[in-house]
PDB file of N, CA and C in Angstrom:
ATOM      1  N   MET A   1      45.422  30.545  13.372  1.00  0.00           N
ATOM      2  CA  MET A   1      46.388  29.483  13.311  1.00  0.00           C
ATOM      3  C   MET A   1      45.741  28.157  13.708  1.00  0.00           C
ATOM      4  N   LYS A   2      44.829  28.216  14.711  1.00  0.00           N
ATOM      5  CA  LYS A   2      44.173  26.987  15.152  1.00  0.00           C
ATOM      6  C   LYS A   2      43.276  26.418  14.056  1.00  0.00           C
ATOM      7  N   LYS A   3      42.659  27.296  13.275  1.00  0.00           N
ATOM      8  CA  LYS A   3      41.785  26.832  12.197  1.00  0.00           C
ATOM      9  C   LYS A   3      42.583  26.098  11.130  1.00  0.00           C
ATOM     10  N   ILE A   4      43.755  26.590  10.817  1.00  0.00           N
ATOM     11  CA  ILE A   4      44.590  25.944   9.808  1.00  0.00           C
ATOM     12  C   ILE A   4      45.048  24.584  10.309  1.00  0.00           C
ATOM     13  N   ALA A   5      45.411  24.512  11.577  1.00  0.00           N
ATOM     14  CA  ALA A   5      45.859  23.243  12.145  1.00  0.00           C
ATOM     15  C   ALA A   5      44.708  22.230  12.190  1.00  0.00           C
ATOM     16  N   THR A   6      43.527  22.691  12.541  1.00  0.00           N
ATOM     17  CA  THR A   6      42.358  21.805  12.594  1.00  0.00           C
ATOM     18  C   THR A   6      42.008  21.295  11.202  1.00  0.00           C
ATOM     19  N   THR A   7      42.036  22.176  10.215  1.00  0.00           N
ATOM     20  CA  THR A   7      41.744  21.780   8.839  1.00  0.00           C
ATOM     21  C   THR A   7      42.789  20.805   8.314  1.00  0.00           C
ATOM     22  N   ALA A   8      44.047  21.055   8.618  1.00  0.00           N
ATOM     23  CA  ALA A   8      45.109  20.161   8.168  1.00  0.00           C
ATOM     24  C   ALA A   8      44.974  18.792   8.821  1.00  0.00           C
ATOM     25  N   LEU A   9      44.647  18.763  10.119  1.00  0.00           N
ATOM     26  CA  LEU A   9      44.472  17.501  10.823  1.00  0.00           C
ATOM     27  C   LEU A   9      43.278  16.724  10.271  1.00  0.00           C
ATOM     28  N   ALA A  10      42.184  17.397   9.974  1.00  0.00           N
ATOM     29  CA  ALA A  10      41.008  16.748   9.399  1.00  0.00           C
ATOM     30  C   ALA A  10      41.323  16.199   8.009  1.00  0.00           C
ATOM     31  N   SER A  11      42.050  16.975   7.207  1.00  0.00           N
ATOM     32  CA  SER A  11      42.429  16.516   5.867  1.00  0.00           C
ATOM     33  C   SER A  11      43.337  15.305   5.942  1.00  0.00           C
ATOM     34  N   LEU A  12      44.250  15.307   6.896  1.00  0.00           N
ATOM     35  CA  LEU A  12      45.152  14.181   7.087  1.00  0.00           C
ATOM     36  C   LEU A  12      44.375  12.924   7.480  1.00  0.00           C
ATOM     37  N   GLY A  13      43.367  13.090   8.325  1.00  0.00           N
ATOM     38  CA  GLY A  13      42.529  11.954   8.723  1.00  0.00           C
ATOM     39  C   GLY A  13      41.755  11.383   7.545  1.00  0.00           C
ATOM     40  N   VAL A  14      41.229  12.253   6.712  1.00  0.00           N
ATOM     41  CA  VAL A  14      40.486  11.804   5.533  1.00  0.00           C
ATOM     42  C   VAL A  14      41.402  11.044   4.588  1.00  0.00           C
ATOM     43  N   LEU A  15      42.591  11.555   4.364  1.00  0.00           N
ATOM     44  CA  LEU A  15      43.530  10.885   3.471  1.00  0.00           C
ATOM     45  C   LEU A  15      43.985   9.547   4.056  1.00  0.00           C
ATOM     46  N   ALA A  16      44.135   9.468   5.359  1.00  0.00           N
ATOM     47  CA  ALA A  16      44.533   8.208   5.990  1.00  0.00           C
ATOM     48  C   ALA A  16      43.434   7.162   5.839  1.00  0.00           C
ATOM     49  N   LEU A  17      42.193   7.566   6.013  1.00  0.00           N
ATOM     50  CA  LEU A  17      41.083   6.632   5.826  1.00  0.00           C
ATOM     51  C   LEU A  17      40.975   6.182   4.373  1.00  0.00           C
ATOM     52  N   ALA A  18      41.218   7.083   3.448  1.00  0.00           N
ATOM     53  CA  ALA A  18      41.156   6.720   2.031  1.00  0.00           C
ATOM     54  C   ALA A  18      42.266   5.744   1.671  1.00  0.00           C
ATOM     55  N   ALA A  19      43.394   5.862   2.308  1.00  0.00           N
ATOM     56  CA  ALA A  19      44.510   4.962   2.022  1.00  0.00           C
ATOM     57  C   ALA A  19      44.245   3.561   2.555  1.00  0.00           C
ATOM     58  N   CYS A  20      43.410   3.440   3.571  1.00  0.00           N
ATOM     59  CA  CYS A  20      43.108   2.133   4.154  1.00  0.00           C
ATOM     60  C   CYS A  20      42.146   1.319   3.294  1.00  0.00           C
ATOM     61  N   GLY A  21      41.425   1.927   2.402  1.00  0.00           N
ATOM     62  CA  GLY A  21      40.433   1.224   1.588  1.00  0.00           C
ATOM     63  C   GLY A  21      41.090   0.351   0.541  1.00  0.00           C
ATOM     64  N   ASP A  22      40.373  -0.680   0.093  1.00  0.00           N
ATOM     65  CA  ASP A  22      40.915  -1.543  -0.951  1.00  0.00           C
ATOM     66  C   ASP A  22      40.419  -1.072  -2.314  1.00  0.00           C
ATOM     67  N   THR A  23      41.019  -1.574  -3.354  1.00  0.00           N
ATOM     68  CA  THR A  23      40.667  -1.137  -4.696  1.00  0.00           C
ATOM     69  C   THR A  23      39.738  -2.102  -5.393  1.00  0.00           C
ATOM     70  N   GLU A  24      39.344  -3.176  -4.714  1.00  0.00           N
ATOM     71  CA  GLU A  24      38.446  -4.126  -5.349  1.00  0.00           C
ATOM     72  C   GLU A  24      37.083  -3.482  -5.545  1.00  0.00           C
ATOM     73  N   ASP A  25      36.505  -3.779  -6.651  1.00  0.00           N
ATOM     74  CA  ASP A  25      35.232  -3.173  -7.009  1.00  0.00           C
ATOM     75  C   ASP A  25      34.197  -4.278  -7.160  1.00  0.00           C
ATOM     76  N   ALA A  26      32.958  -3.978  -6.842  1.00  0.00           N
ATOM     77  CA  ALA A  26      31.898  -4.978  -6.969  1.00  0.00           C
ATOM     78  C   ALA A  26      31.716  -5.396  -8.425  1.00  0.00           C
ATOM     79  N   SER A  27      32.019  -4.511  -9.356  1.00  0.00           N
ATOM     80  CA  SER A  27      31.829  -4.850 -10.761  1.00  0.00           C
ATOM     81  C   SER A  27      32.824  -5.911 -11.230  1.00  0.00           C
ATOM     82  N   THR A  28      33.983  -6.008 -10.574  1.00  0.00           N
ATOM     83  CA  THR A  28      34.932  -7.054 -10.955  1.00  0.00           C
ATOM     84  C   THR A  28      34.474  -8.418 -10.477  1.00  0.00           C
ATOM     85  N   GLU A  29      33.726  -8.452  -9.375  1.00  0.00           N
ATOM     86  CA  GLU A  29      33.223  -9.723  -8.861  1.00  0.00           C
ATOM     87  C   GLU A  29      31.991 -10.192  -9.620  1.00  0.00           C
ATOM     88  N   ALA A  30      31.243  -9.311 -10.192  1.00  0.00           N
ATOM     89  CA  ALA A  30      30.005  -9.659 -10.884  1.00  0.00           C
ATOM     90  C   ALA A  30      30.294  -9.911 -12.356  1.00  0.00           C
ATOM     91  N   MET A  31      30.944 -10.987 -12.635  1.00  0.00           N
ATOM     92  CA  MET A  31      31.240 -11.360 -14.010  1.00  0.00           C
ATOM     93  C   MET A  31      29.972 -11.935 -14.655  1.00  0.00           C
ATOM     94  N   PRO A  32      29.855 -11.905 -15.956  1.00  0.00           N
ATOM     95  CA  PRO A  32      28.639 -12.396 -16.619  1.00  0.00           C
ATOM     96  C   PRO A  32      28.320 -13.855 -16.303  1.00  0.00           C
ATOM     97  N   ASP A  33      29.357 -14.671 -16.087  1.00  0.00           N
ATOM     98  CA  ASP A  33      29.089 -16.080 -15.788  1.00  0.00           C
ATOM     99  C   ASP A  33      28.344 -16.236 -14.475  1.00  0.00           C
ATOM    100  N   THR A  34      28.731 -15.497 -13.446  1.00  0.00           N
ATOM    101  CA  THR A  34      28.100 -15.651 -12.135  1.00  0.00           C
ATOM    102  C   THR A  34      26.745 -14.975 -12.078  1.00  0.00           C
ATOM    103  N   VAL A  35      26.529 -13.966 -12.887  1.00  0.00           N
ATOM    104  CA  VAL A  35      25.253 -13.250 -12.868  1.00  0.00           C
ATOM    105  C   VAL A  35      24.187 -14.023 -13.634  1.00  0.00           C
ATOM    106  N   GLU A  36      24.551 -14.629 -14.744  1.00  0.00           N
ATOM    107  CA  GLU A  36      23.570 -15.280 -15.590  1.00  0.00           C
ATOM    108  C   GLU A  36      23.191 -16.672 -15.119  1.00  0.00           C
ATOM    109  N   MET A  37      23.992 -17.301 -14.276  1.00  0.00           N
ATOM    110  CA  MET A  37      23.676 -18.658 -13.827  1.00  0.00           C
ATOM    111  C   MET A  37      22.338 -18.731 -13.089  1.00  0.00           C
ATOM    112  N   PRO A  38      22.047 -17.872 -12.112  1.00  0.00           N
ATOM    113  CA  PRO A  38      20.734 -17.950 -11.447  1.00  0.00           C
ATOM    114  C   PRO A  38      19.580 -17.676 -12.411  1.00  0.00           C
ATOM    115  N   ALA A  39      19.776 -16.801 -13.376  1.00  0.00           N
ATOM    116  CA  ALA A  39      18.717 -16.511 -14.335  1.00  0.00           C
ATOM    117  C   ALA A  39      18.449 -17.723 -15.210  1.00  0.00           C
ATOM    118  N   ASP A  40      19.479 -18.436 -15.604  1.00  0.00           N
ATOM    119  CA  ASP A  40      19.289 -19.632 -16.418  1.00  0.00           C
ATOM    120  C   ASP A  40      18.567 -20.728 -15.640  1.00  0.00           C
ATOM    121  N   GLU A  41      18.848 -20.839 -14.344  1.00  0.00           N
ATOM    122  CA  GLU A  41      18.163 -21.841 -13.528  1.00  0.00           C
ATOM    123  C   GLU A  41      16.669 -21.551 -13.439  1.00  0.00           C
ATOM    124  N   ALA A  42      16.279 -20.299 -13.417  1.00  0.00           N
ATOM    125  CA  ALA A  42      14.867 -19.947 -13.324  1.00  0.00           C
ATOM    126  C   ALA A  42      14.114 -20.292 -14.601  1.00  0.00           C
ATOM    127  N   LEU A  43      14.797 -20.392 -15.717  1.00  0.00           N
ATOM    128  CA  LEU A  43      14.146 -20.671 -16.984  1.00  0.00           C
ATOM    129  C   LEU A  43      14.025 -22.160 -17.288  1.00  0.00           C
ATOM    130  N   GLU A  44      14.561 -23.012 -16.438  1.00  0.00           N
ATOM    131  CA  GLU A  44      14.452 -24.447 -16.660  1.00  0.00           C
ATOM    132  C   GLU A  44      13.000 -24.882 -16.507  1.00  0.00           C
ATOM    133  N   PRO A  45      12.553 -25.875 -17.272  1.00  0.00           N
ATOM    134  CA  PRO A  45      11.154 -26.303 -17.184  1.00  0.00           C
ATOM    135  C   PRO A  45      10.850 -26.956 -15.832  1.00  0.00           C
ATOM    136  N   VAL A  46       9.608 -26.823 -15.425  1.00  0.00           N
ATOM    137  CA  VAL A  46       9.150 -27.412 -14.165  1.00  0.00           C
ATOM    138  C   VAL A  46       8.876 -28.883 -14.406  1.00  0.00           C
ATOM    139  N   ARG A  47       9.367 -29.718 -13.515  1.00  0.00           N
ATOM    140  CA  ARG A  47       9.219 -31.153 -13.697  1.00  0.00           C
ATOM    141  C   ARG A  47       8.134 -31.754 -12.811  1.00  0.00           C
ATOM    142  N   SER A  48       7.521 -30.987 -11.954  1.00  0.00           N
ATOM    143  CA  SER A  48       6.490 -31.532 -11.076  1.00  0.00           C
ATOM    144  C   SER A  48       5.137 -30.918 -11.432  1.00  0.00           C
ATOM    145  N   GLU A  49       4.092 -31.646 -11.130  1.00  0.00           N
ATOM    146  CA  GLU A  49       2.734 -31.198 -11.403  1.00  0.00           C
ATOM    147  C   GLU A  49       2.105 -30.676 -10.114  1.00  0.00           C
ATOM    148  N   PRO A  50       1.226 -29.691 -10.197  1.00  0.00           N
ATOM    149  CA  PRO A  50       0.553 -29.208  -8.993  1.00  0.00           C
ATOM    150  C   PRO A  50      -0.405 -30.272  -8.456  1.00  0.00           C
ATOM    151  N   VAL A  51      -0.528 -30.313  -7.146  1.00  0.00           N
ATOM    152  CA  VAL A  51      -1.387 -31.291  -6.485  1.00  0.00           C
ATOM    153  C   VAL A  51      -2.399 -30.537  -5.647  1.00  0.00           C
ATOM    154  N   GLU A  52      -3.641 -30.921  -5.726  1.00  0.00           N
ATOM    155  CA  GLU A  52      -4.690 -30.286  -4.941  1.00  0.00           C
ATOM    156  C   GLU A  52      -4.577 -30.738  -3.497  1.00  0.00           C
ATOM    157  N   ASP A  53      -4.661 -29.802  -2.583  1.00  0.00           N
ATOM    158  CA  ASP A  53      -4.602 -30.108  -1.170  1.00  0.00           C
ATOM    159  C   ASP A  53      -6.035 -30.278  -0.683  1.00  0.00           C
ATOM    160  N   SER A  54      -6.459 -31.512  -0.523  1.00  0.00           N
ATOM    161  CA  SER A  54      -7.858 -31.783  -0.176  1.00  0.00           C
ATOM    162  C   SER A  54      -8.167 -31.425   1.269  1.00  0.00           C
ATOM    163  N   GLU A  55      -7.174 -31.339   2.138  1.00  0.00           N
ATOM    164  CA  GLU A  55      -7.426 -31.008   3.534  1.00  0.00           C
ATOM    165  C   GLU A  55      -7.842 -29.555   3.711  1.00  0.00           C
ATOM    166  N   THR A  56      -7.287 -28.647   2.947  1.00  0.00           N
ATOM    167  CA  THR A  56      -7.612 -27.237   3.112  1.00  0.00           C
ATOM    168  C   THR A  56      -8.837 -26.818   2.316  1.00  0.00           C
ATOM    169  N   ALA A  57      -9.230 -27.615   1.348  1.00  0.00           N
ATOM    170  CA  ALA A  57     -10.366 -27.231   0.513  1.00  0.00           C
ATOM    171  C   ALA A  57     -11.670 -27.265   1.299  1.00  0.00           C
ATOM    172  N   GLY A  58     -11.859 -28.246   2.173  1.00  0.00           N
ATOM    173  CA  GLY A  58     -13.088 -28.347   2.944  1.00  0.00           C
ATOM    174  C   GLY A  58     -14.222 -28.873   2.086  1.00  0.00           C
ATOM    175  N   PRO A  59     -15.382 -28.990   2.691  1.00  0.00           N
ATOM    176  CA  PRO A  59     -16.515 -29.492   1.926  1.00  0.00           C
ATOM    177  C   PRO A  59     -17.005 -28.452   0.927  1.00  0.00           C
ATOM    178  N   PRO A  60     -17.635 -28.871  -0.150  1.00  0.00           N
ATOM    179  CA  PRO A  60     -18.148 -27.897  -1.114  1.00  0.00           C
ATOM    180  C   PRO A  60     -19.280 -27.094  -0.477  1.00  0.00           C
ATOM    181  N   PRO A  61     -19.474 -25.866  -0.906  1.00  0.00           N
ATOM    182  CA  PRO A  61     -20.530 -25.041  -0.321  1.00  0.00           C
ATOM    183  C   PRO A  61     -21.910 -25.597  -0.661  1.00  0.00           C
ATOM    184  N   ALA A  62     -22.816 -25.413   0.266  1.00  0.00           N
ATOM    185  CA  ALA A  62     -24.187 -25.871   0.056  1.00  0.00           C
ATOM    186  C   ALA A  62     -24.865 -24.963  -0.962  1.00  0.00           C
ATOM    187  N   PRO A  63     -25.749 -25.523  -1.772  1.00  0.00           N
ATOM    188  CA  PRO A  63     -26.454 -24.672  -2.740  1.00  0.00           C
ATOM    189  C   PRO A  63     -27.367 -23.678  -2.012  1.00  0.00           C
ATOM    190  N   VAL A  64     -27.394 -22.449  -2.537  1.00  0.00           N
ATOM    191  CA  VAL A  64     -28.177 -21.384  -1.919  1.00  0.00           C
ATOM    192  C   VAL A  64     -29.293 -20.998  -2.868  1.00  0.00           C
ATOM    193  N   ASP A  65     -30.486 -20.936  -2.324  1.00  0.00           N
ATOM    194  CA  ASP A  65     -31.643 -20.512  -3.107  1.00  0.00           C
ATOM    195  C   ASP A  65     -31.732 -18.985  -3.037  1.00  0.00           C
ATOM    196  N   PRO A  66     -31.722 -18.275  -4.153  1.00  0.00           N
ATOM    197  CA  PRO A  66     -31.764 -16.814  -4.125  1.00  0.00           C
ATOM    198  C   PRO A  66     -33.021 -16.273  -3.458  1.00  0.00           C
ATOM    199  N   ARG A  67     -34.092 -17.038  -3.469  1.00  0.00           N
ATOM    200  CA  ARG A  67     -35.318 -16.560  -2.829  1.00  0.00           C
ATOM    201  C   ARG A  67     -35.157 -16.484  -1.315  1.00  0.00           C
ATOM    202  N   ASP A  68     -34.245 -17.302  -0.758  1.00  0.00           N
ATOM    203  CA  ASP A  68     -34.035 -17.272   0.688  1.00  0.00           C
ATOM    204  C   ASP A  68     -33.179 -16.085   1.118  1.00  0.00           C
ATOM    205  N   THR A  69     -32.308 -15.612   0.259  1.00  0.00           N
ATOM    206  CA  THR A  69     -31.398 -14.531   0.634  1.00  0.00           C
ATOM    207  C   THR A  69     -31.844 -13.162   0.142  1.00  0.00           C
ATOM    208  N   ALA A  70     -32.795 -13.086  -0.751  1.00  0.00           N
ATOM    209  CA  ALA A  70     -33.265 -11.802  -1.280  1.00  0.00           C
ATOM    210  C   ALA A  70     -34.081 -11.072  -0.213  1.00  0.00           C
ATOM    211  N   PRO A  71     -33.926  -9.741  -0.115  1.00  0.00           N
ATOM    212  CA  PRO A  71     -34.724  -8.995   0.866  1.00  0.00           C
ATOM    213  C   PRO A  71     -36.191  -8.964   0.434  1.00  0.00           C
ATOM    214  N   ASP A  72     -37.058  -8.919   1.415  1.00  0.00           N
ATOM    215  CA  ASP A  72     -38.479  -8.869   1.077  1.00  0.00           C
ATOM    216  C   ASP A  72     -38.882  -7.425   0.750  1.00  0.00           C
ATOM    217  N   GLN A  73     -40.058  -7.260   0.249  1.00  0.00           N
ATOM    218  CA  GLN A  73     -40.529  -5.951  -0.215  1.00  0.00           C
ATOM    219  C   GLN A  73     -40.620  -4.954   0.934  1.00  0.00           C
ATOM    220  N   ALA A  74     -41.062  -5.378   2.104  1.00  0.00           N
ATOM    221  CA  ALA A  74     -41.210  -4.459   3.239  1.00  0.00           C
ATOM    222  C   ALA A  74     -39.848  -3.920   3.671  1.00  0.00           C
ATOM    223  N   THR A  75     -38.841  -4.768   3.712  1.00  0.00           N
ATOM    224  CA  THR A  75     -37.506  -4.330   4.116  1.00  0.00           C
ATOM    225  C   THR A  75     -36.939  -3.342   3.106  1.00  0.00           C
ATOM    226  N   THR A  76     -37.171  -3.584   1.843  1.00  0.00           N
ATOM    227  CA  THR A  76     -36.681  -2.688   0.806  1.00  0.00           C
ATOM    228  C   THR A  76     -37.356  -1.326   0.908  1.00  0.00           C
ATOM    229  N   GLU A  77     -38.654  -1.294   1.149  1.00  0.00           N
ATOM    230  CA  GLU A  77     -39.369  -0.027   1.275  1.00  0.00           C
ATOM    231  C   GLU A  77     -38.936   0.729   2.528  1.00  0.00           C
ATOM    232  N   GLU A  78     -38.695   0.003   3.625  1.00  0.00           N
ATOM    233  CA  GLU A  78     -38.218   0.659   4.842  1.00  0.00           C
ATOM    234  C   GLU A  78     -36.850   1.284   4.613  1.00  0.00           C
ATOM    235  N   ALA A  79     -35.969   0.599   3.911  1.00  0.00           N
ATOM    236  CA  ALA A  79     -34.642   1.142   3.618  1.00  0.00           C
ATOM    237  C   ALA A  79     -34.745   2.381   2.734  1.00  0.00           C
ATOM    238  N   ALA A  80     -35.652   2.363   1.759  1.00  0.00           N
ATOM    239  CA  ALA A  80     -35.833   3.515   0.882  1.00  0.00           C
ATOM    240  C   ALA A  80     -36.384   4.706   1.665  1.00  0.00           C
ATOM    241  N   ASP A  81     -37.329   4.465   2.558  1.00  0.00           N
ATOM    242  CA  ASP A  81     -37.874   5.546   3.381  1.00  0.00           C
ATOM    243  C   ASP A  81     -36.806   6.134   4.295  1.00  0.00           C
ATOM    244  N   ALA A  82     -35.980   5.265   4.884  1.00  0.00           N
ATOM    245  CA  ALA A  82     -34.915   5.741   5.766  1.00  0.00           C
ATOM    246  C   ALA A  82     -33.905   6.577   4.981  1.00  0.00           C
ATOM    247  N   ALA A  83     -33.572   6.164   3.770  1.00  0.00           N
ATOM    248  CA  ALA A  83     -32.638   6.920   2.947  1.00  0.00           C
ATOM    249  C   ALA A  83     -33.224   8.279   2.576  1.00  0.00           C
ATOM    250  N   ALA A  84     -34.506   8.324   2.270  1.00  0.00           N
ATOM    251  CA  ALA A  84     -35.150   9.594   1.942  1.00  0.00           C
ATOM    252  C   ALA A  84     -35.155  10.521   3.156  1.00  0.00           C
ATOM    253  N   GLN A  85     -35.372   9.977   4.346  1.00  0.00           N
ATOM    254  CA  GLN A  85     -35.373  10.788   5.563  1.00  0.00           C
ATOM    255  C   GLN A  85     -33.974  11.353   5.835  1.00  0.00           C
ATOM    256  N   VAL A  86     -32.954  10.541   5.650  1.00  0.00           N
ATOM    257  CA  VAL A  86     -31.586  11.008   5.849  1.00  0.00           C
ATOM    258  C   VAL A  86     -31.258  12.119   4.853  1.00  0.00           C
ATOM    259  N   ALA A  87     -31.687  11.973   3.611  1.00  0.00           N
ATOM    260  CA  ALA A  87     -31.440  13.005   2.606  1.00  0.00           C
ATOM    261  C   ALA A  87     -32.147  14.299   2.981  1.00  0.00           C
ATOM    262  N   ALA A  88     -33.357  14.191   3.479  1.00  0.00           N
ATOM    263  CA  ALA A  88     -34.106  15.380   3.886  1.00  0.00           C
ATOM    264  C   ALA A  88     -33.428  16.050   5.080  1.00  0.00           C
ATOM    265  N   ASP A  89     -32.961  15.258   6.043  1.00  0.00           N
ATOM    266  CA  ASP A  89     -32.263  15.820   7.201  1.00  0.00           C
ATOM    267  C   ASP A  89     -30.978  16.521   6.776  1.00  0.00           C
ATOM    268  N   ALA A  90     -30.258  15.943   5.836  1.00  0.00           N
ATOM    269  CA  ALA A  90     -29.027  16.549   5.354  1.00  0.00           C
ATOM    270  C   ALA A  90     -29.309  17.861   4.636  1.00  0.00           C
ATOM    271  N   GLU A  91     -30.359  17.888   3.849  1.00  0.00           N
ATOM    272  CA  GLU A  91     -30.734  19.111   3.145  1.00  0.00           C
ATOM    273  C   GLU A  91     -31.122  20.204   4.128  1.00  0.00           C
ATOM    274  N   ALA A  92     -31.854  19.837   5.187  1.00  0.00           N
ATOM    275  CA  ALA A  92     -32.250  20.814   6.190  1.00  0.00           C
ATOM    276  C   ALA A  92     -31.035  21.337   6.946  1.00  0.00           C
ATOM    277  N   ALA A  93     -30.074  20.462   7.265  1.00  0.00           N
ATOM    278  CA  ALA A  93     -28.870  20.892   7.969  1.00  0.00           C
ATOM    279  C   ALA A  93     -28.042  21.823   7.095  1.00  0.00           C
ATOM    280  N   ALA A  94     -27.965  21.541   5.795  1.00  0.00           N
ATOM    281  CA  ALA A  94     -27.218  22.399   4.885  1.00  0.00           C
ATOM    282  C   ALA A  94     -27.882  23.768   4.772  1.00  0.00           C
ATOM    283  N   ALA A  95     -29.197  23.788   4.723  1.00  0.00           N
ATOM    284  CA  ALA A  95     -29.913  25.060   4.634  1.00  0.00           C
ATOM    285  C   ALA A  95     -29.715  25.864   5.917  1.00  0.00           C
ATOM    286  N   ALA A  96     -29.745  25.205   7.072  1.00  0.00           N
ATOM    287  CA  ALA A  96     -29.543  25.905   8.337  1.00  0.00           C
ATOM    288  C   ALA A  96     -28.127  26.458   8.425  1.00  0.00           C
ATOM    289  N   ALA A  97     -27.150  25.705   7.964  1.00  0.00           N
ATOM    290  CA  ALA A  97     -25.773  26.181   7.987  1.00  0.00           C
ATOM    291  C   ALA A  97     -25.596  27.370   7.057  1.00  0.00           C
ATOM    292  N   ALA A  98     -26.224  27.334   5.891  1.00  0.00           N
ATOM    293  CA  ALA A  98     -26.138  28.454   4.955  1.00  0.00           C
ATOM    294  C   ALA A  98     -26.797  29.699   5.536  1.00  0.00           C
ATOM    295  N   ALA A  99     -27.937  29.520   6.200  1.00  0.00           N
ATOM    296  CA  ALA A  99     -28.623  30.659   6.806  1.00  0.00           C
ATOM    297  C   ALA A  99     -27.772  31.236   7.921  1.00  0.00           C
ATOM    298  N   SER A 100     -27.162  30.399   8.733  1.00  0.00           N
ATOM    299  CA  SER A 100     -26.302  30.845   9.818  1.00  0.00           C
ATOM    300  C   SER A 100     -25.107  31.610   9.276  1.00  0.00           C
ATOM    301  N   LEU A 101     -24.527  31.122   8.186  1.00  0.00           N
ATOM    302  CA  LEU A 101     -23.381  31.791   7.569  1.00  0.00           C
ATOM    303  C   LEU A 101     -23.797  33.147   7.010  1.00  0.00           C
ATOM    304  N   ASP A 102     -24.980  33.213   6.392  1.00  0.00           N
ATOM    305  CA  ASP A 102     -25.468  34.487   5.864  1.00  0.00           C
ATOM    306  C   ASP A 102     -25.669  35.494   6.974  1.00  0.00           C
ATOM    307  N   GLU A 103     -26.195  35.058   8.139  1.00  0.00           N
ATOM    308  CA  GLU A 103     -26.400  35.973   9.279  1.00  0.00           C
ATOM    309  C   GLU A 103     -25.065  36.498   9.799  1.00  0.00           C
ATOM    310  N   GLU A 104     -24.055  35.623   9.859  1.00  0.00           N
ATOM    311  CA  GLU A 104     -22.733  36.067  10.338  1.00  0.00           C
ATOM    312  C   GLU A 104     -22.115  37.062   9.388  1.00  0.00           C
ATOM    313  N   VAL A 105     -22.299  36.881   8.083  1.00  0.00           N
ATOM    314  CA  VAL A 105     -21.730  37.799   7.102  1.00  0.00           C
ATOM    315  C   VAL A 105     -22.424  39.151   7.188  1.00  0.00           C
ATOM    316  N   GLU A 106     -23.747  39.152   7.413  1.00  0.00           N
ATOM    317  CA  GLU A 106     -24.485  40.417   7.510  1.00  0.00           C
ATOM    318  C   GLU A 106     -24.118  41.178   8.768  1.00  0.00           C
ATOM    319  N   GLU A 107     -23.779  40.469   9.857  1.00  0.00           N
ATOM    320  CA  GLU A 107     -23.424  41.131  11.097  1.00  0.00           C
ATOM    321  C   GLU A 107     -22.061  41.804  10.990  1.00  0.00           C
ATOM    322  N   ASP A 108     -21.164  41.255  10.193  1.00  0.00           N
ATOM    323  CA  ASP A 108     -19.806  41.827  10.073  1.00  0.00           C
ATOM    324  C   ASP A 108     -19.873  43.050   9.223  1.00  0.00           C
TER     325      ASP A 108
END
């Protein structure tokens, strides 16, 4: 009996809340005249010209000679040697890991 009373009371509350709502819909307020006006304003031609802001531009960059910024031959060879050493170390670590994994599989 309590369940029926609780359900009836809940249903009554829902119906009371539904009765309090208004019937106005957003679609009635959004008539084509009010929706299209902002779009038409965006399509109007621009009447002003862009102006360069000289304060933020700063001075022009100084010319750079590529010979001053290019790495020298010794630095390039050192980088290549270091890369080869890293590759060799990685290969050795991979081989050691594979050997370790093979030993664990054989023990099981």
